[in-house]
Amino acid sequence: PDGKRIAALMPAEGPEDQKAQNQVIFLQNFF
């Protein structure tokens, strides 16, 4: 909202890292 930061989904660095692209972690009630 302040326009100073961005969250972006970046591709994995190497071929071995691309296997886990279908995994999502949700943090609920973190605070």
PDB file of all heavy atoms in Angstrom:
ATOM      1  N   PRO A   1       0.803  -1.231   0.000  1.00  0.00           N
ATOM      2  CA  PRO A   1       0.000   0.000   0.000  1.00  0.00           C
ATOM      3  C   PRO A   1       0.835   1.281   0.000  1.00  0.00           C
ATOM      4  O   PRO A   1       0.424   2.282  -0.569  1.00  0.00           O
ATOM      5  CB  PRO A   1      -0.829  -0.111   1.280  1.00  0.00           C
ATOM      6  CG  PRO A   1      -0.912  -1.569   1.550  1.00  0.00           C
ATOM      7  CD  PRO A   1       0.398  -2.137   1.074  1.00  0.00           C
ATOM      8  N   ASP A   2       2.032   1.260   0.607  1.00  0.00           N
ATOM      9  CA  ASP A   2       2.866   2.458   0.625  1.00  0.00           C
ATOM     10  C   ASP A   2       3.620   2.668  -0.690  1.00  0.00           C
ATOM     11  O   ASP A   2       4.256   3.698  -0.896  1.00  0.00           O
ATOM     12  CB  ASP A   2       3.844   2.441   1.795  1.00  0.00           C
ATOM     13  CG  ASP A   2       4.855   1.302   1.718  1.00  0.00           C
ATOM     14  OD1 ASP A   2       4.890   0.582   0.704  1.00  0.00           O
ATOM     15  OD2 ASP A   2       5.602   1.134   2.690  1.00  0.00           O
ATOM     16  N   GLY A   3       3.557   1.705  -1.594  1.00  0.00           N
ATOM     17  CA  GLY A   3       4.189   1.831  -2.902  1.00  0.00           C
ATOM     18  C   GLY A   3       5.697   1.673  -2.887  1.00  0.00           C
ATOM     19  O   GLY A   3       6.351   1.881  -3.897  1.00  0.00           O
ATOM     20  N   LYS A   4       6.275   1.275  -1.749  1.00  0.00           N
ATOM     21  CA  LYS A   4       7.723   1.185  -1.644  1.00  0.00           C
ATOM     22  C   LYS A   4       8.256  -0.241  -1.714  1.00  0.00           C
ATOM     23  O   LYS A   4       9.448  -0.449  -1.835  1.00  0.00           O
ATOM     24  CB  LYS A   4       8.189   1.825  -0.335  1.00  0.00           C
ATOM     25  CG  LYS A   4       7.902   3.308  -0.293  1.00  0.00           C
ATOM     26  CD  LYS A   4       8.390   3.918   0.990  1.00  0.00           C
ATOM     27  CE  LYS A   4       8.062   5.411   0.994  1.00  0.00           C
ATOM     28  NZ  LYS A   4       8.539   6.058   2.207  1.00  0.00           N
ATOM     29  N   ARG A   5       7.373  -1.222  -1.623  1.00  0.00           N
ATOM     30  CA  ARG A   5       7.801  -2.616  -1.638  1.00  0.00           C
ATOM     31  C   ARG A   5       6.922  -3.410  -2.591  1.00  0.00           C
ATOM     32  O   ARG A   5       5.794  -3.025  -2.859  1.00  0.00           O
ATOM     33  CB  ARG A   5       7.706  -3.216  -0.239  1.00  0.00           C
ATOM     34  CG  ARG A   5       8.694  -2.592   0.734  1.00  0.00           C
ATOM     35  CD  ARG A   5       8.340  -2.918   2.144  1.00  0.00           C
ATOM     36  NE  ARG A   5       7.101  -2.168   2.430  1.00  0.00           N
ATOM     37  CZ  ARG A   5       6.249  -2.476   3.381  1.00  0.00           C
ATOM     38  NH1 ARG A   5       6.463  -3.509   4.144  1.00  0.00           N
ATOM     39  NH2 ARG A   5       5.175  -1.769   3.581  1.00  0.00           N
ATOM     40  N   ILE A   6       7.477  -4.518  -3.060  1.00  0.00           N
ATOM     41  CA  ILE A   6       6.736  -5.394  -3.967  1.00  0.00           C
ATOM     42  C   ILE A   6       7.007  -6.840  -3.568  1.00  0.00           C
ATOM     43  O   ILE A   6       8.100  -7.171  -3.122  1.00  0.00           O
ATOM     44  CB  ILE A   6       7.144  -5.144  -5.443  1.00  0.00           C
ATOM     45  CG1 ILE A   6       6.229  -5.910  -6.397  1.00  0.00           C
ATOM     46  CG2 ILE A   6       8.589  -5.476  -5.675  1.00  0.00           C
ATOM     47  CD1 ILE A   6       6.410  -5.540  -7.838  1.00  0.00           C
ATOM     48  N   ALA A   7       5.998  -7.657  -3.686  1.00  0.00           N
ATOM     49  CA  ALA A   7       6.154  -9.099  -3.512  1.00  0.00           C
ATOM     50  C   ALA A   7       5.936  -9.710  -4.889  1.00  0.00           C
ATOM     51  O   ALA A   7       4.938  -9.432  -5.548  1.00  0.00           O
ATOM     52  CB  ALA A   7       5.136  -9.646  -2.522  1.00  0.00           C
ATOM     53  N   ALA A   8       6.904 -10.510  -5.337  1.00  0.00           N
ATOM     54  CA  ALA A   8       6.822 -11.085  -6.678  1.00  0.00           C
ATOM     55  C   ALA A   8       7.214 -12.552  -6.636  1.00  0.00           C
ATOM     56  O   ALA A   8       8.098 -12.941  -5.884  1.00  0.00           O
ATOM     57  CB  ALA A   8       7.740 -10.335  -7.639  1.00  0.00           C
ATOM     58  N   LEU A   9       6.534 -13.358  -7.440  1.00  0.00           N
ATOM     59  CA  LEU A   9       6.888 -14.769  -7.584  1.00  0.00           C
ATOM     60  C   LEU A   9       7.959 -14.874  -8.660  1.00  0.00           C
ATOM     61  O   LEU A   9       7.731 -14.524  -9.808  1.00  0.00           O
ATOM     62  CB  LEU A   9       5.661 -15.590  -7.978  1.00  0.00           C
ATOM     63  CG  LEU A   9       4.526 -15.595  -6.968  1.00  0.00           C
ATOM     64  CD1 LEU A   9       3.326 -16.323  -7.543  1.00  0.00           C
ATOM     65  CD2 LEU A   9       4.966 -16.236  -5.678  1.00  0.00           C
ATOM     66  N   MET A  10       9.147 -15.324  -8.235  1.00  0.00           N
ATOM     67  CA  MET A  10      10.266 -15.445  -9.160  1.00  0.00           C
ATOM     68  C   MET A  10      10.469 -16.921  -9.489  1.00  0.00           C
ATOM     69  O   MET A  10      10.185 -17.790  -8.662  1.00  0.00           O
ATOM     70  CB  MET A  10      11.538 -14.873  -8.528  1.00  0.00           C
ATOM     71  CG  MET A  10      11.395 -13.421  -8.063  1.00  0.00           C
ATOM     72  SD  MET A  10      10.994 -12.272  -9.378  1.00  0.00           S
ATOM     73  CE  MET A  10      12.560 -12.117 -10.172  1.00  0.00           C
ATOM     74  N   PRO A  11      10.968 -17.218 -10.674  1.00  0.00           N
ATOM     75  CA  PRO A  11      11.205 -18.620 -11.026  1.00  0.00           C
ATOM     76  C   PRO A  11      12.347 -19.207 -10.203  1.00  0.00           C
ATOM     77  O   PRO A  11      13.179 -18.472  -9.666  1.00  0.00           O
ATOM     78  CB  PRO A  11      11.567 -18.559 -12.507  1.00  0.00           C
ATOM     79  CG  PRO A  11      12.059 -17.179 -12.725  1.00  0.00           C
ATOM     80  CD  PRO A  11      11.344 -16.310 -11.741  1.00  0.00           C
ATOM     81  N   ALA A  12      12.387 -20.521 -10.112  1.00  0.00           N
ATOM     82  CA  ALA A  12      13.453 -21.213  -9.390  1.00  0.00           C
ATOM     83  C   ALA A  12      14.789 -20.950 -10.075  1.00  0.00           C
ATOM     84  O   ALA A  12      14.858 -20.708 -11.279  1.00  0.00           O
ATOM     85  CB  ALA A  12      13.155 -22.704  -9.346  1.00  0.00           C
ATOM     86  N   GLU A  13      15.873 -21.019  -9.301  1.00  0.00           N
ATOM     87  CA  GLU A  13      17.209 -20.726  -9.828  1.00  0.00           C
ATOM     88  C   GLU A  13      17.724 -21.787 -10.783  1.00  0.00           C
ATOM     89  O   GLU A  13      18.296 -21.485 -11.801  1.00  0.00           O
ATOM     90  CB  GLU A  13      18.193 -20.568  -8.668  1.00  0.00           C
ATOM     91  CG  GLU A  13      17.969 -19.329  -7.850  1.00  0.00           C
ATOM     92  CD  GLU A  13      18.286 -18.055  -8.606  1.00  0.00           C
ATOM     93  OE1 GLU A  13      19.179 -18.059  -9.464  1.00  0.00           O
ATOM     94  OE2 GLU A  13      17.608 -17.049  -8.346  1.00  0.00           O
ATOM     95  N   GLY A  14      17.567 -23.063 -10.423  1.00  0.00           N
ATOM     96  CA  GLY A  14      18.124 -24.125 -11.256  1.00  0.00           C
ATOM     97  C   GLY A  14      17.113 -25.209 -11.537  1.00  0.00           C
ATOM     98  O   GLY A  14      16.038 -25.229 -10.956  1.00  0.00           O
ATOM     99  N   PRO A  15      17.432 -26.130 -12.437  1.00  0.00           N
ATOM    100  CA  PRO A  15      16.494 -27.196 -12.796  1.00  0.00           C
ATOM    101  C   PRO A  15      16.068 -28.052 -11.604  1.00  0.00           C
ATOM    102  O   PRO A  15      14.933 -28.482 -11.516  1.00  0.00           O
ATOM    103  CB  PRO A  15      17.252 -28.044 -13.806  1.00  0.00           C
ATOM    104  CG  PRO A  15      18.433 -27.261 -14.215  1.00  0.00           C
ATOM    105  CD  PRO A  15      18.675 -26.219 -13.172  1.00  0.00           C
ATOM    106  N   GLU A  16      16.998 -28.270 -10.643  1.00  0.00           N
ATOM    107  CA  GLU A  16      16.647 -29.098  -9.486  1.00  0.00           C
ATOM    108  C   GLU A  16      15.634 -28.406  -8.577  1.00  0.00           C
ATOM    109  O   GLU A  16      14.886 -29.051  -7.873  1.00  0.00           O
ATOM    110  CB  GLU A  16      17.898 -29.486  -8.691  1.00  0.00           C
ATOM    111  CG  GLU A  16      18.617 -28.322  -8.018  1.00  0.00           C
ATOM    112  CD  GLU A  16      19.522 -27.514  -8.956  1.00  0.00           C
ATOM    113  OE1 GLU A  16      19.748 -27.931 -10.081  1.00  0.00           O
ATOM    114  OE2 GLU A  16      19.988 -26.457  -8.521  1.00  0.00           O
ATOM    115  N   ASP A  17      15.622 -27.066  -8.585  1.00  0.00           N
ATOM    116  CA  ASP A  17      14.688 -26.312  -7.747  1.00  0.00           C
ATOM    117  C   ASP A  17      13.281 -26.250  -8.348  1.00  0.00           C
ATOM    118  O   ASP A  17      12.330 -25.964  -7.657  1.00  0.00           O
ATOM    119  CB  ASP A  17      15.193 -24.885  -7.541  1.00  0.00           C
ATOM    120  CG  ASP A  17      16.508 -24.839  -6.795  1.00  0.00           C
ATOM    121  OD1 ASP A  17      16.731 -25.740  -5.960  1.00  0.00           O
ATOM    122  OD2 ASP A  17      17.305 -23.927  -7.053  1.00  0.00           O
ATOM    123  N   GLN A  18      13.138 -26.494  -9.620  1.00  0.00           N
ATOM    124  CA  GLN A  18      11.856 -26.327 -10.280  1.00  0.00           C
ATOM    125  C   GLN A  18      10.871 -27.439  -9.966  1.00  0.00           C
ATOM    126  O   GLN A  18       9.703 -27.318 -10.263  1.00  0.00           O
ATOM    127  CB  GLN A  18      12.063 -26.193 -11.780  1.00  0.00           C
ATOM    128  CG  GLN A  18      12.787 -24.907 -12.114  1.00  0.00           C
ATOM    129  CD  GLN A  18      12.844 -24.646 -13.600  1.00  0.00           C
ATOM    130  OE1 GLN A  18      12.173 -25.303 -14.365  1.00  0.00           O
ATOM    131  NE2 GLN A  18      13.644 -23.687 -13.991  1.00  0.00           N
ATOM    132  N   LYS A  19      11.304 -28.510  -9.342  1.00  0.00           N
ATOM    133  CA  LYS A  19      10.404 -29.603  -8.991  1.00  0.00           C
ATOM    134  C   LYS A  19       9.388 -29.168  -7.938  1.00  0.00           C
ATOM    135  O   LYS A  19       8.295 -29.672  -7.897  1.00  0.00           O
ATOM    136  CB  LYS A  19      11.200 -30.794  -8.476  1.00  0.00           C
ATOM    137  CG  LYS A  19      12.101 -31.415  -9.505  1.00  0.00           C
ATOM    138  CD  LYS A  19      12.948 -32.499  -8.894  1.00  0.00           C
ATOM    139  CE  LYS A  19      13.982 -32.976  -9.882  1.00  0.00           C
ATOM    140  NZ  LYS A  19      14.968 -33.830  -9.251  1.00  0.00           N
ATOM    141  N   ALA A  20       9.744 -28.230  -7.077  1.00  0.00           N
ATOM    142  CA  ALA A  20       8.894 -27.826  -5.952  1.00  0.00           C
ATOM    143  C   ALA A  20       8.042 -26.597  -6.265  1.00  0.00           C
ATOM    144  O   ALA A  20       7.515 -25.978  -5.369  1.00  0.00           O
ATOM    145  CB  ALA A  20       9.752 -27.557  -4.729  1.00  0.00           C
ATOM    146  N   GLN A  21       7.874 -26.221  -7.512  1.00  0.00           N
ATOM    147  CA  GLN A  21       7.106 -25.028  -7.846  1.00  0.00           C
ATOM    148  C   GLN A  21       5.619 -25.195  -7.580  1.00  0.00           C
ATOM    149  O   GLN A  21       4.884 -24.231  -7.613  1.00  0.00           O
ATOM    150  CB  GLN A  21       7.325 -24.629  -9.296  1.00  0.00           C
ATOM    151  CG  GLN A  21       8.639 -23.932  -9.506  1.00  0.00           C
ATOM    152  CD  GLN A  21       8.714 -23.350 -10.893  1.00  0.00           C
ATOM    153  OE1 GLN A  21       7.935 -23.686 -11.771  1.00  0.00           O
ATOM    154  NE2 GLN A  21       9.658 -22.477 -11.106  1.00  0.00           N
ATOM    155  N   ASN A  22       5.162 -26.390  -7.318  1.00  0.00           N
ATOM    156  CA  ASN A  22       3.743 -26.607  -7.068  1.00  0.00           C
ATOM    157  C   ASN A  22       3.433 -26.605  -5.570  1.00  0.00           C
ATOM    158  O   ASN A  22       2.364 -27.000  -5.160  1.00  0.00           O
ATOM    159  CB  ASN A  22       3.274 -27.917  -7.702  1.00  0.00           C
ATOM    160  CG  ASN A  22       4.021 -29.112  -7.130  1.00  0.00           C
ATOM    161  OD1 ASN A  22       4.997 -28.956  -6.423  1.00  0.00           O
ATOM    162  ND2 ASN A  22       3.572 -30.305  -7.462  1.00  0.00           N
ATOM    163  N   GLN A  23       4.361 -26.167  -4.742  1.00  0.00           N
ATOM    164  CA  GLN A  23       4.161 -26.143  -3.292  1.00  0.00           C
ATOM    165  C   GLN A  23       3.897 -24.716  -2.837  1.00  0.00           C
ATOM    166  O   GLN A  23       4.593 -23.785  -3.224  1.00  0.00           O
ATOM    167  CB  GLN A  23       5.394 -26.676  -2.580  1.00  0.00           C
ATOM    168  CG  GLN A  23       5.241 -26.698  -1.083  1.00  0.00           C
ATOM    169  CD  GLN A  23       6.473 -27.259  -0.398  1.00  0.00           C
ATOM    170  OE1 GLN A  23       7.502 -27.466  -1.021  1.00  0.00           O
ATOM    171  NE2 GLN A  23       6.375 -27.486   0.875  1.00  0.00           N
ATOM    172  N   VAL A  24       2.865 -24.537  -2.013  1.00  0.00           N
ATOM    173  CA  VAL A  24       2.519 -23.234  -1.459  1.00  0.00           C
ATOM    174  C   VAL A  24       2.437 -23.375   0.048  1.00  0.00           C
ATOM    175  O   VAL A  24       1.879 -24.346   0.557  1.00  0.00           O
ATOM    176  CB  VAL A  24       1.157 -22.737  -2.006  1.00  0.00           C
ATOM    177  CG1 VAL A  24       0.767 -21.421  -1.364  1.00  0.00           C
ATOM    178  CG2 VAL A  24       1.216 -22.612  -3.510  1.00  0.00           C
ATOM    179  N   ILE A  25       2.999 -22.426   0.765  1.00  0.00           N
ATOM    180  CA  ILE A  25       2.934 -22.422   2.225  1.00  0.00           C
ATOM    181  C   ILE A  25       2.114 -21.224   2.660  1.00  0.00           C
ATOM    182  O   ILE A  25       2.418 -20.090   2.285  1.00  0.00           O
ATOM    183  CB  ILE A  25       4.343 -22.363   2.848  1.00  0.00           C
ATOM    184  CG1 ILE A  25       5.142 -23.581   2.425  1.00  0.00           C
ATOM    185  CG2 ILE A  25       4.259 -22.231   4.366  1.00  0.00           C
ATOM    186  CD1 ILE A  25       6.597 -23.536   2.820  1.00  0.00           C
ATOM    187  N   PHE A  26       1.059 -21.454   3.433  1.00  0.00           N
ATOM    188  CA  PHE A  26       0.209 -20.387   3.950  1.00  0.00           C
ATOM    189  C   PHE A  26       0.499 -20.198   5.435  1.00  0.00           C
ATOM    190  O   PHE A  26       0.546 -21.170   6.187  1.00  0.00           O
ATOM    191  CB  PHE A  26      -1.279 -20.728   3.790  1.00  0.00           C
ATOM    192  CG  PHE A  26      -1.755 -20.667   2.380  1.00  0.00           C
ATOM    193  CD1 PHE A  26      -1.855 -21.826   1.630  1.00  0.00           C
ATOM    194  CD2 PHE A  26      -2.099 -19.461   1.804  1.00  0.00           C
ATOM    195  CE1 PHE A  26      -2.300 -21.784   0.325  1.00  0.00           C
ATOM    196  CE2 PHE A  26      -2.540 -19.407   0.495  1.00  0.00           C
ATOM    197  CZ  PHE A  26      -2.641 -20.568  -0.242  1.00  0.00           C
ATOM    198  N   LEU A  27       0.696 -18.976   5.839  1.00  0.00           N
ATOM    199  CA  LEU A  27       0.843 -18.652   7.253  1.00  0.00           C
ATOM    200  C   LEU A  27      -0.463 -18.019   7.706  1.00  0.00           C
ATOM    201  O   LEU A  27      -0.806 -16.926   7.280  1.00  0.00           O
ATOM    202  CB  LEU A  27       1.995 -17.671   7.475  1.00  0.00           C
ATOM    203  CG  LEU A  27       3.377 -18.188   7.167  1.00  0.00           C
ATOM    204  CD1 LEU A  27       4.409 -17.084   7.315  1.00  0.00           C
ATOM    205  CD2 LEU A  27       3.726 -19.342   8.090  1.00  0.00           C
ATOM    206  N   GLN A  28      -1.179 -18.722   8.540  1.00  0.00           N
ATOM    207  CA  GLN A  28      -2.441 -18.198   9.058  1.00  0.00           C
ATOM    208  C   GLN A  28      -2.241 -17.829  10.513  1.00  0.00           C
ATOM    209  O   GLN A  28      -1.559 -18.531  11.260  1.00  0.00           O
ATOM    210  CB  GLN A  28      -3.555 -19.226   8.933  1.00  0.00           C
ATOM    211  CG  GLN A  28      -3.908 -19.533   7.500  1.00  0.00           C
ATOM    212  CD  GLN A  28      -5.035 -20.528   7.416  1.00  0.00           C
ATOM    213  OE1 GLN A  28      -5.144 -21.430   8.228  1.00  0.00           O
ATOM    214  NE2 GLN A  28      -5.889 -20.363   6.420  1.00  0.00           N
ATOM    215  N   ASN A  29      -2.842 -16.730  10.891  1.00  0.00           N
ATOM    216  CA  ASN A  29      -2.773 -16.256  12.278  1.00  0.00           C
ATOM    217  C   ASN A  29      -1.336 -16.103  12.747  1.00  0.00           C
ATOM    218  O   ASN A  29      -1.007 -16.411  13.893  1.00  0.00           O
ATOM    219  CB  ASN A  29      -3.544 -17.207  13.207  1.00  0.00           C
ATOM    220  CG  ASN A  29      -4.974 -17.391  12.761  1.00  0.00           C
ATOM    221  OD1 ASN A  29      -5.611 -16.437  12.341  1.00  0.00           O
ATOM    222  ND2 ASN A  29      -5.461 -18.605  12.832  1.00  0.00           N
ATOM    223  N   PHE A  30      -0.483 -15.610  11.886  1.00  0.00           N
ATOM    224  CA  PHE A  30       0.934 -15.479  12.202  1.00  0.00           C
ATOM    225  C   PHE A  30       1.164 -14.592  13.430  1.00  0.00           C
ATOM    226  O   PHE A  30       1.881 -14.957  14.354  1.00  0.00           O
ATOM    227  CB  PHE A  30       1.698 -14.916  11.005  1.00  0.00           C
ATOM    228  CG  PHE A  30       3.145 -14.615  11.291  1.00  0.00           C
ATOM    229  CD1 PHE A  30       4.067 -15.638  11.388  1.00  0.00           C
ATOM    230  CD2 PHE A  30       3.565 -13.312  11.474  1.00  0.00           C
ATOM    231  CE1 PHE A  30       5.397 -15.372  11.658  1.00  0.00           C
ATOM    232  CE2 PHE A  30       4.896 -13.038  11.748  1.00  0.00           C
ATOM    233  CZ  PHE A  30       5.811 -14.069  11.832  1.00  0.00           C
ATOM    234  N   PHE A  31       0.533 -13.410  13.451  1.00  0.00           N
ATOM    235  CA  PHE A  31       0.757 -12.495  14.563  1.00  0.00           C
ATOM    236  C   PHE A  31       0.151 -13.016  15.859  1.00  0.00           C
ATOM    237  O   PHE A  31       0.668 -12.757  16.942  1.00  0.00           O
ATOM    238  CB  PHE A  31       0.245 -11.103  14.217  1.00  0.00           C
ATOM    239  CG  PHE A  31       1.089 -10.446  13.158  1.00  0.00           C
ATOM    240  CD1 PHE A  31       0.597 -10.250  11.879  1.00  0.00           C
ATOM    241  CD2 PHE A  31       2.385 -10.044  13.435  1.00  0.00           C
ATOM    242  CE1 PHE A  31       1.377  -9.670  10.906  1.00  0.00           C
ATOM    243  CE2 PHE A  31       3.181  -9.463  12.456  1.00  0.00           C
ATOM    244  CZ  PHE A  31       2.670  -9.267  11.200  1.00  0.00           C
TER     245      PHE A  31
END
